[in-house]
């Protein structure tokens, strides 16, 4: 097998991890700077930067309990469909890379 191919893949994954960390840090710094300047949109030579809001909900314990029951019911139904042959099976090959420690 072509060892270079595997090494190149590993190197790219490491670069992606590093770049994602830098992106997260820069994103936070840009948001802080835009908040300080009290602007929500900046147009530059590089493109538009816009601060936007998303809504996140935290649900009650009662809701979570019902959700868990429904989730278990769905798992049971899935298994039933698989066992009866009603479910269609598709096998997709993927690549998993685990970095050596």
C-alpha atoms as a PDB file:
ATOM      1  CA  UNK A   1       0.000   0.000   0.000  1.00  0.00           C
ATOM      2  CA  UNK A   2       1.005   3.594  -0.609  1.00  0.00           C
ATOM      3  CA  UNK A   3       2.222   4.795   2.807  1.00  0.00           C
ATOM      4  CA  UNK A   4       2.469   8.399   1.554  1.00  0.00           C
ATOM      5  CA  UNK A   5      -1.262   8.471   0.899  1.00  0.00           C
ATOM      6  CA  UNK A   6      -2.053   7.529   4.503  1.00  0.00           C
ATOM      7  CA  UNK A   7       0.518   9.962   5.892  1.00  0.00           C
ATOM      8  CA  UNK A   8      -0.864  12.791   3.760  1.00  0.00           C
ATOM      9  CA  UNK A   9      -4.387  12.060   5.013  1.00  0.00           C
ATOM     10  CA  UNK A  10      -3.215  12.138   8.645  1.00  0.00           C
ATOM     11  CA  UNK A  11      -1.362  15.415   8.070  1.00  0.00           C
ATOM     12  CA  UNK A  12      -4.426  17.037   6.522  1.00  0.00           C
ATOM     13  CA  UNK A  13      -6.616  15.892   9.439  1.00  0.00           C
ATOM     14  CA  UNK A  14      -4.139  17.451  11.879  1.00  0.00           C
ATOM     15  CA  UNK A  15      -4.135  20.710   9.890  1.00  0.00           C
ATOM     16  CA  UNK A  16      -7.946  20.757   9.881  1.00  0.00           C
ATOM     17  CA  UNK A  17      -8.044  20.308  13.675  1.00  0.00           C
ATOM     18  CA  UNK A  18      -5.553  23.157  14.124  1.00  0.00           C
ATOM     19  CA  UNK A  19      -7.425  25.437  11.718  1.00  0.00           C
ATOM     20  CA  UNK A  20     -10.779  24.696  13.368  1.00  0.00           C
ATOM     21  CA  UNK A  21      -9.296  25.703  16.731  1.00  0.00           C
ATOM     22  CA  UNK A  22      -7.972  28.939  15.252  1.00  0.00           C
ATOM     23  CA  UNK A  23     -11.312  29.622  13.563  1.00  0.00           C
ATOM     24  CA  UNK A  24     -13.168  29.230  16.860  1.00  0.00           C
ATOM     25  CA  UNK A  25     -10.765  31.619  18.591  1.00  0.00           C
ATOM     26  CA  UNK A  26     -10.990  34.203  15.793  1.00  0.00           C
ATOM     27  CA  UNK A  27     -14.784  33.936  15.635  1.00  0.00           C
ATOM     28  CA  UNK A  28     -15.018  34.745  19.349  1.00  0.00           C
ATOM     29  CA  UNK A  29     -12.623  37.684  19.024  1.00  0.00           C
ATOM     30  CA  UNK A  30     -14.567  39.079  16.037  1.00  0.00           C
ATOM     31  CA  UNK A  31     -17.865  38.788  17.934  1.00  0.00           C
ATOM     32  CA  UNK A  32     -16.337  40.576  20.920  1.00  0.00           C
ATOM     33  CA  UNK A  33     -14.987  43.350  18.692  1.00  0.00           C
ATOM     34  CA  UNK A  34     -18.303  43.756  16.877  1.00  0.00           C
ATOM     35  CA  UNK A  35     -20.178  43.823  20.198  1.00  0.00           C
ATOM     36  CA  UNK A  36     -17.790  46.481  21.522  1.00  0.00           C
ATOM     37  CA  UNK A  37     -18.383  48.541  18.367  1.00  0.00           C
ATOM     38  CA  UNK A  38     -22.138  47.848  18.740  1.00  0.00           C
ATOM     39  CA  UNK A  39     -22.512  46.604  15.161  1.00  0.00           C
ATOM     40  CA  UNK A  40     -24.177  43.430  13.944  1.00  0.00           C
ATOM     41  CA  UNK A  41     -22.882  43.481  10.378  1.00  0.00           C
ATOM     42  CA  UNK A  42     -19.491  44.331   8.880  1.00  0.00           C
ATOM     43  CA  UNK A  43     -18.847  44.344   5.152  1.00  0.00           C
ATOM     44  CA  UNK A  44     -15.225  44.038   4.173  1.00  0.00           C
ATOM     45  CA  UNK A  45     -13.043  43.147   1.211  1.00  0.00           C
ATOM     46  CA  UNK A  46     -13.202  39.548   2.486  1.00  0.00           C
ATOM     47  CA  UNK A  47     -16.983  39.291   2.722  1.00  0.00           C
ATOM     48  CA  UNK A  48     -19.814  40.040   5.147  1.00  0.00           C
ATOM     49  CA  UNK A  49     -19.605  39.230   8.833  1.00  0.00           C
ATOM     50  CA  UNK A  50     -22.974  39.134  10.592  1.00  0.00           C
ATOM     51  CA  UNK A  51     -23.813  38.389  14.199  1.00  0.00           C
ATOM     52  CA  UNK A  52     -27.034  36.410  14.438  1.00  0.00           C
ATOM     53  CA  UNK A  53     -28.969  34.813  17.261  1.00  0.00           C
ATOM     54  CA  UNK A  54     -30.272  31.302  17.593  1.00  0.00           C
ATOM     55  CA  UNK A  55     -32.749  30.021  20.139  1.00  0.00           C
ATOM     56  CA  UNK A  56     -32.009  27.031  22.318  1.00  0.00           C
ATOM     57  CA  UNK A  57     -34.657  25.455  24.524  1.00  0.00           C
ATOM     58  CA  UNK A  58     -34.213  23.501  27.730  1.00  0.00           C
ATOM     59  CA  UNK A  59     -37.164  21.255  28.411  1.00  0.00           C
ATOM     60  CA  UNK A  60     -38.772  20.113  31.643  1.00  0.00           C
ATOM     61  CA  UNK A  61     -38.032  16.768  33.253  1.00  0.00           C
ATOM     62  CA  UNK A  62     -41.593  15.699  32.379  1.00  0.00           C
ATOM     63  CA  UNK A  63     -40.949  16.397  28.690  1.00  0.00           C
ATOM     64  CA  UNK A  64     -37.601  14.579  28.802  1.00  0.00           C
ATOM     65  CA  UNK A  65     -39.238  11.517  30.386  1.00  0.00           C
ATOM     66  CA  UNK A  66     -41.894  11.373  27.650  1.00  0.00           C
ATOM     67  CA  UNK A  67     -39.216  11.913  25.007  1.00  0.00           C
ATOM     68  CA  UNK A  68     -37.187   8.991  26.386  1.00  0.00           C
ATOM     69  CA  UNK A  69     -40.239   6.688  26.312  1.00  0.00           C
ATOM     70  CA  UNK A  70     -40.982   7.682  22.706  1.00  0.00           C
ATOM     71  CA  UNK A  71     -37.328   7.210  21.754  1.00  0.00           C
ATOM     72  CA  UNK A  72     -37.392   3.684  23.215  1.00  0.00           C
ATOM     73  CA  UNK A  73     -40.659   2.953  21.392  1.00  0.00           C
ATOM     74  CA  UNK A  74     -39.062   4.057  18.112  1.00  0.00           C
ATOM     75  CA  UNK A  75     -35.990   1.879  18.727  1.00  0.00           C
ATOM     76  CA  UNK A  76     -38.292  -1.074  19.345  1.00  0.00           C
ATOM     77  CA  UNK A  77     -40.246  -0.333  16.155  1.00  0.00           C
ATOM     78  CA  UNK A  78     -36.983  -0.039  14.191  1.00  0.00           C
ATOM     79  CA  UNK A  79     -35.820  -3.431  15.464  1.00  0.00           C
ATOM     80  CA  UNK A  80     -39.199  -4.936  14.608  1.00  0.00           C
ATOM     81  CA  UNK A  81     -39.012  -3.603  11.022  1.00  0.00           C
ATOM     82  CA  UNK A  82     -35.458  -4.898  10.639  1.00  0.00           C
ATOM     83  CA  UNK A  83     -36.404  -8.332  11.976  1.00  0.00           C
ATOM     84  CA  UNK A  84     -39.494  -8.578   9.747  1.00  0.00           C
ATOM     85  CA  UNK A  85     -37.612  -7.476   6.632  1.00  0.00           C
ATOM     86  CA  UNK A  86     -39.756  -4.360   6.102  1.00  0.00           C
ATOM     87  CA  UNK A  87     -36.715  -2.104   6.492  1.00  0.00           C
ATOM     88  CA  UNK A  88     -34.393  -1.726   3.516  1.00  0.00           C
ATOM     89  CA  UNK A  89     -30.711  -2.184   4.279  1.00  0.00           C
ATOM     90  CA  UNK A  90     -27.995  -0.121   2.624  1.00  0.00           C
ATOM     91  CA  UNK A  91     -24.344  -0.660   3.487  1.00  0.00           C
ATOM     92  CA  UNK A  92     -22.086   2.335   2.989  1.00  0.00           C
ATOM     93  CA  UNK A  93     -18.320   2.061   3.308  1.00  0.00           C
ATOM     94  CA  UNK A  94     -16.603   4.911   5.132  1.00  0.00           C
ATOM     95  CA  UNK A  95     -13.113   5.670   6.340  1.00  0.00           C
ATOM     96  CA  UNK A  96     -12.334   6.108  10.010  1.00  0.00           C
ATOM     97  CA  UNK A  97      -8.979   7.531  10.995  1.00  0.00           C
ATOM     98  CA  UNK A  98      -7.647   7.160  14.535  1.00  0.00           C
ATOM     99  CA  UNK A  99      -4.519   9.142  15.338  1.00  0.00           C
ATOM    100  CA  UNK A 100      -1.711   7.293  17.114  1.00  0.00           C
ATOM    101  CA  UNK A 101      -1.042   8.568  20.605  1.00  0.00           C
END
